[in-house]
Amino acid sequence: MLVKDFMTEQITTVKEDQNILEARETLRGKRLKSLPVVDDIGRVRGIVTVDDIKAASPSDASTLSRYEANYLMGRIKVKDIMTRSTINVFADDTVEYAAYLIYKNDVNALPVIDKEGKLCGIIAKSDMFRAFVGIMGMNRDCIRVTIEAEDKTGQLADVCNIYKNAGVNIITSSTRQLGNGKAQIIIRGEINENGVGIVEDLRQAGFNVIDVMKLDGLE
């Protein structure tokens, strides 16, 4: 799955020479946490966040009137407070890579740019969750089987062959290393008349089935 499959293409942006009062009202009106800052031809110049504007705004404990506070905020430009070193991704990057960058850098969203550095979308944490739901097959009814197995080559293939021989279609599969030479294999399989005996088939093949759940699709 690629970033372009999950990014938002209709993007609200701000210019460097706009004041932070305008940026604040845009963020509030759109219920956003950040705004990409672009130049006249759409190239990304930086990003400004709710926290950036809050840090640059007069304190609530200030004796300034609302008029005076707004006057001061109207004199501060976005370029004065924005973060210039943005972390960007390309539309053809994988969703996993975008998720890694969001997690590693503790940001809420990433600008998506083309080869010329022009903004073509934005991908946020909420998009990551939407991608995760799709990747894990959580939008479909299934039987979720968790297996504890040896962490060695061929284990997943052996499990998949058992499903194949039983006539049960696999929706998704994933693995997780546990350490000490052990791993978990998690299989989400379709619910059909052939799936009733799949757990027993796995156990007869020597696999340790530690959890079985019937899950209803979320959509």
Protein backbone atom coordinates (compact mmCIF):
# COMPACT_ATOMS: atom_id res chain seq x y z
CA MET A 1 0.00 0.00 0.00
CA LEU A 2 1.29 3.41 -1.00
CA VAL A 3 0.95 6.88 0.51
CA LYS A 4 -1.04 8.07 -2.52
CA ASP A 5 -3.75 5.50 -1.69
CA PHE A 6 -4.44 7.06 1.73
CA MET A 7 -3.29 10.69 1.62
CA THR A 8 -5.68 13.65 1.61
CA GLU A 9 -5.38 15.58 -1.62
CA GLN A 10 -7.63 18.53 -0.73
CA ILE A 11 -5.17 20.40 1.48
CA THR A 12 -5.54 23.62 3.45
CA THR A 13 -2.30 25.60 3.34
CA VAL A 14 -0.89 28.92 4.48
CA LYS A 15 1.70 31.31 3.04
CA GLU A 16 4.85 32.53 4.80
CA ASP A 17 3.77 36.18 4.79
CA GLN A 18 0.37 35.56 6.35
CA ASN A 19 0.09 36.53 9.98
CA ILE A 20 -0.39 33.98 12.73
CA LEU A 21 -3.85 35.33 13.56
CA GLU A 22 -5.00 34.23 10.10
CA ALA A 23 -3.25 30.88 10.52
CA ARG A 24 -4.89 30.37 13.92
CA GLU A 25 -8.37 31.06 12.56
CA THR A 26 -7.77 28.68 9.65
CA LEU A 27 -6.66 25.93 12.03
CA ARG A 28 -9.69 26.48 14.26
CA GLY A 29 -12.13 26.68 11.38
CA LYS A 30 -10.86 23.45 9.77
CA ARG A 31 -10.21 21.73 13.13
CA LEU A 32 -6.61 21.02 12.12
CA LYS A 33 -3.46 20.66 14.21
CA SER A 34 -1.00 21.82 11.56
CA LEU A 35 -0.78 23.63 8.24
CA PRO A 36 1.78 23.15 5.46
CA VAL A 37 3.42 26.44 4.48
CA VAL A 38 3.82 26.81 0.71
CA ASP A 39 5.19 29.41 -1.70
CA ASP A 40 3.43 30.86 -4.74
CA ILE A 41 4.08 27.77 -6.90
CA GLY A 42 3.08 25.25 -4.24
CA ARG A 43 6.49 24.17 -2.96
CA VAL A 44 6.65 23.25 0.71
CA ARG A 45 8.56 25.85 2.73
CA GLY A 46 7.70 24.61 6.22
CA ILE A 47 4.90 23.69 8.58
CA VAL A 48 3.13 25.60 11.34
CA THR A 49 1.27 23.92 14.19
CA VAL A 50 -1.25 24.86 16.85
CA ASP A 51 1.54 24.64 19.42
CA ASP A 52 3.74 27.03 17.40
CA ILE A 53 1.00 29.64 17.36
CA LYS A 54 0.17 29.12 21.03
CA ALA A 55 3.83 29.64 21.98
CA ALA A 56 3.96 32.87 20.00
CA SER A 57 0.64 34.23 21.33
CA PRO A 58 0.22 36.44 24.42
CA SER A 59 -0.34 34.46 27.59
CA ASP A 60 -3.83 34.15 29.05
CA ALA A 61 -2.38 35.81 32.14
CA SER A 62 -1.40 38.87 30.11
CA THR A 63 -3.02 42.20 30.92
CA LEU A 64 -3.43 42.92 27.20
CA SER A 65 -6.93 43.41 25.90
CA ARG A 66 -8.23 41.15 23.15
CA TYR A 67 -7.76 43.99 20.66
CA GLU A 68 -4.15 44.50 21.74
CA ALA A 69 -3.42 40.75 21.66
CA ASN A 70 -4.90 40.41 18.17
CA TYR A 71 -2.93 43.47 17.02
CA LEU A 72 0.31 41.87 18.17
CA MET A 73 -0.55 38.52 16.59
CA GLY A 74 -1.36 40.33 13.36
CA ARG A 75 2.21 41.63 13.23
CA ILE A 76 3.84 38.19 13.62
CA LYS A 77 4.27 36.32 10.33
CA VAL A 78 3.99 32.58 9.81
CA LYS A 79 7.59 32.57 8.56
CA ASP A 80 8.73 33.85 11.97
CA ILE A 81 7.46 30.79 13.87
CA MET A 82 7.13 27.95 11.35
CA THR A 83 9.36 24.88 11.31
CA ARG A 84 11.43 25.03 8.14
CA SER A 85 13.01 21.56 8.23
CA THR A 86 9.93 19.55 7.34
CA ILE A 87 9.81 15.76 7.12
CA ASN A 88 8.25 14.93 3.78
CA VAL A 89 7.25 11.77 1.92
CA PHE A 90 6.55 11.07 -1.73
CA ALA A 91 3.21 9.78 -3.03
CA ASP A 92 4.86 6.52 -4.13
CA ASP A 93 6.46 5.84 -0.72
CA THR A 94 4.92 2.99 1.25
CA VAL A 95 2.42 3.59 4.03
CA GLU A 96 4.72 1.65 6.38
CA TYR A 97 7.55 4.11 5.72
CA ALA A 98 5.25 7.08 6.37
CA ALA A 99 4.05 5.47 9.61
CA TYR A 100 7.67 4.92 10.67
CA LEU A 101 8.51 8.61 10.08
CA ILE A 102 5.42 9.78 11.99
CA TYR A 103 6.28 7.49 14.91
CA LYS A 104 10.03 8.23 14.92
CA ASN A 105 9.61 12.01 14.77
CA ASP A 106 6.46 12.21 16.94
CA VAL A 107 4.49 14.33 14.45
CA ASN A 108 0.80 14.29 13.58
CA ALA A 109 1.09 14.48 9.80
CA LEU A 110 3.54 14.55 6.89
CA PRO A 111 3.40 16.70 3.75
CA VAL A 112 3.39 14.63 0.57
CA ILE A 113 5.45 16.18 -2.23
CA ASP A 114 6.23 15.48 -5.87
CA LYS A 115 9.70 15.41 -7.44
CA GLU A 116 9.71 19.19 -7.75
CA GLY A 117 9.00 19.64 -4.06
CA LYS A 118 5.42 20.78 -4.67
CA LEU A 119 2.75 19.80 -2.20
CA CYS A 120 0.36 17.16 -3.57
CA GLY A 121 -1.22 15.83 -0.36
CA ILE A 122 -0.88 15.21 3.33
CA ILE A 123 -0.95 11.97 5.31
CA ALA A 124 -1.88 12.00 8.99
CA LYS A 125 -2.03 9.62 11.93
CA SER A 126 -5.73 9.06 11.23
CA ASP A 127 -4.81 7.89 7.73
CA MET A 128 -2.36 5.43 9.30
CA PHE A 129 -5.17 3.92 11.36
CA ARG A 130 -7.36 3.67 8.26
CA ALA A 131 -4.56 1.88 6.42
CA PHE A 132 -4.01 -0.45 9.40
CA VAL A 133 -7.68 -1.45 9.39
CA GLY A 134 -7.41 -2.36 5.72
CA ILE A 135 -4.08 -4.16 6.03
CA MET A 136 -5.33 -6.27 8.95
CA GLY A 137 -8.59 -7.13 7.20
CA MET A 138 -10.63 -5.72 10.07
CA ASN A 139 -13.42 -4.69 7.69
CA ARG A 140 -14.39 -8.34 7.06
CA ASP A 141 -15.92 -11.10 9.17
CA CYS A 142 -13.24 -13.62 10.06
CA ILE A 143 -11.83 -16.20 12.41
CA ARG A 144 -8.64 -14.87 14.05
CA VAL A 145 -6.26 -17.64 15.08
CA THR A 146 -3.09 -16.96 17.09
CA ILE A 147 -0.36 -19.61 16.99
CA GLU A 148 2.84 -19.84 19.00
CA ALA A 149 5.54 -21.49 16.92
CA GLU A 150 9.28 -21.84 16.54
CA ASP A 151 10.89 -18.78 14.99
CA LYS A 152 12.38 -20.50 11.96
CA THR A 153 12.11 -20.56 8.20
CA GLY A 154 9.02 -22.18 6.71
CA GLN A 155 6.65 -21.98 9.68
CA LEU A 156 4.31 -19.45 8.07
CA ALA A 157 4.37 -21.38 4.80
CA ASP A 158 3.39 -24.56 6.64
CA VAL A 159 0.49 -22.82 8.34
CA CYS A 160 -0.69 -21.35 5.03
CA ASN A 161 -0.60 -24.81 3.43
CA ILE A 162 -2.89 -26.14 6.18
CA TYR A 163 -5.38 -23.38 5.38
CA LYS A 164 -5.05 -24.08 1.67
CA ASN A 165 -5.65 -27.81 2.10
CA ALA A 166 -8.66 -27.09 4.31
CA GLY A 167 -10.15 -24.74 1.70
CA VAL A 168 -10.08 -21.72 3.98
CA ASN A 169 -9.09 -18.42 2.38
CA ILE A 170 -6.58 -16.32 4.34
CA ILE A 171 -7.56 -12.66 4.60
CA THR A 172 -4.37 -11.47 6.33
CA SER A 173 -1.38 -12.94 8.12
CA SER A 174 1.22 -11.39 10.41
CA THR A 175 4.07 -12.53 12.62
CA ARG A 176 5.67 -11.22 15.79
CA GLN A 177 8.98 -12.31 17.29
CA LEU A 178 8.68 -13.21 20.98
CA GLY A 179 12.33 -13.96 21.68
CA ASN A 180 13.84 -17.22 22.95
CA GLY A 181 13.35 -18.77 19.52
CA LYS A 182 9.57 -18.30 19.56
CA ALA A 183 7.18 -16.30 17.39
CA GLN A 184 3.47 -15.64 17.11
CA ILE A 185 1.65 -16.19 13.84
CA ILE A 186 -1.71 -14.45 13.55
CA ILE A 187 -4.04 -15.56 10.77
CA ARG A 188 -7.38 -14.01 9.86
CA GLY A 189 -9.32 -16.50 7.76
CA GLU A 190 -12.69 -16.37 6.05
CA ILE A 191 -15.64 -17.92 7.82
CA ASN A 192 -17.03 -20.85 5.80
CA GLU A 193 -18.10 -24.46 6.22
CA ASN A 194 -14.50 -25.62 5.83
CA GLY A 195 -13.21 -23.41 8.62
CA VAL A 196 -14.78 -25.37 11.46
CA GLY A 197 -11.96 -27.87 11.69
CA ILE A 198 -9.03 -25.57 10.94
CA VAL A 199 -7.98 -25.27 14.59
CA GLU A 200 -7.88 -29.04 14.97
CA ASP A 201 -5.91 -29.35 11.72
CA LEU A 202 -3.33 -26.91 13.06
CA ARG A 203 -3.02 -28.75 16.35
CA GLN A 204 -2.67 -32.12 14.64
CA ALA A 205 0.18 -30.62 12.61
CA GLY A 206 1.96 -29.79 15.88
CA PHE A 207 1.16 -26.09 16.15
CA ASN A 208 0.31 -24.55 19.50
CA VAL A 209 -2.95 -22.62 19.00
CA ILE A 210 -3.17 -20.18 21.90
CA ASP A 211 -6.18 -18.08 20.92
CA VAL A 212 -9.21 -18.28 18.61
CA MET A 213 -11.63 -15.39 18.07
CA LYS A 214 -14.58 -14.85 15.77
CA LEU A 215 -14.63 -11.21 14.72
CA ASP A 216 -17.32 -9.23 12.95
CA GLY A 217 -16.20 -6.78 10.28
CA LEU A 218 -16.12 -3.13 11.30
CA GLU A 219 -17.85 -1.90 8.15
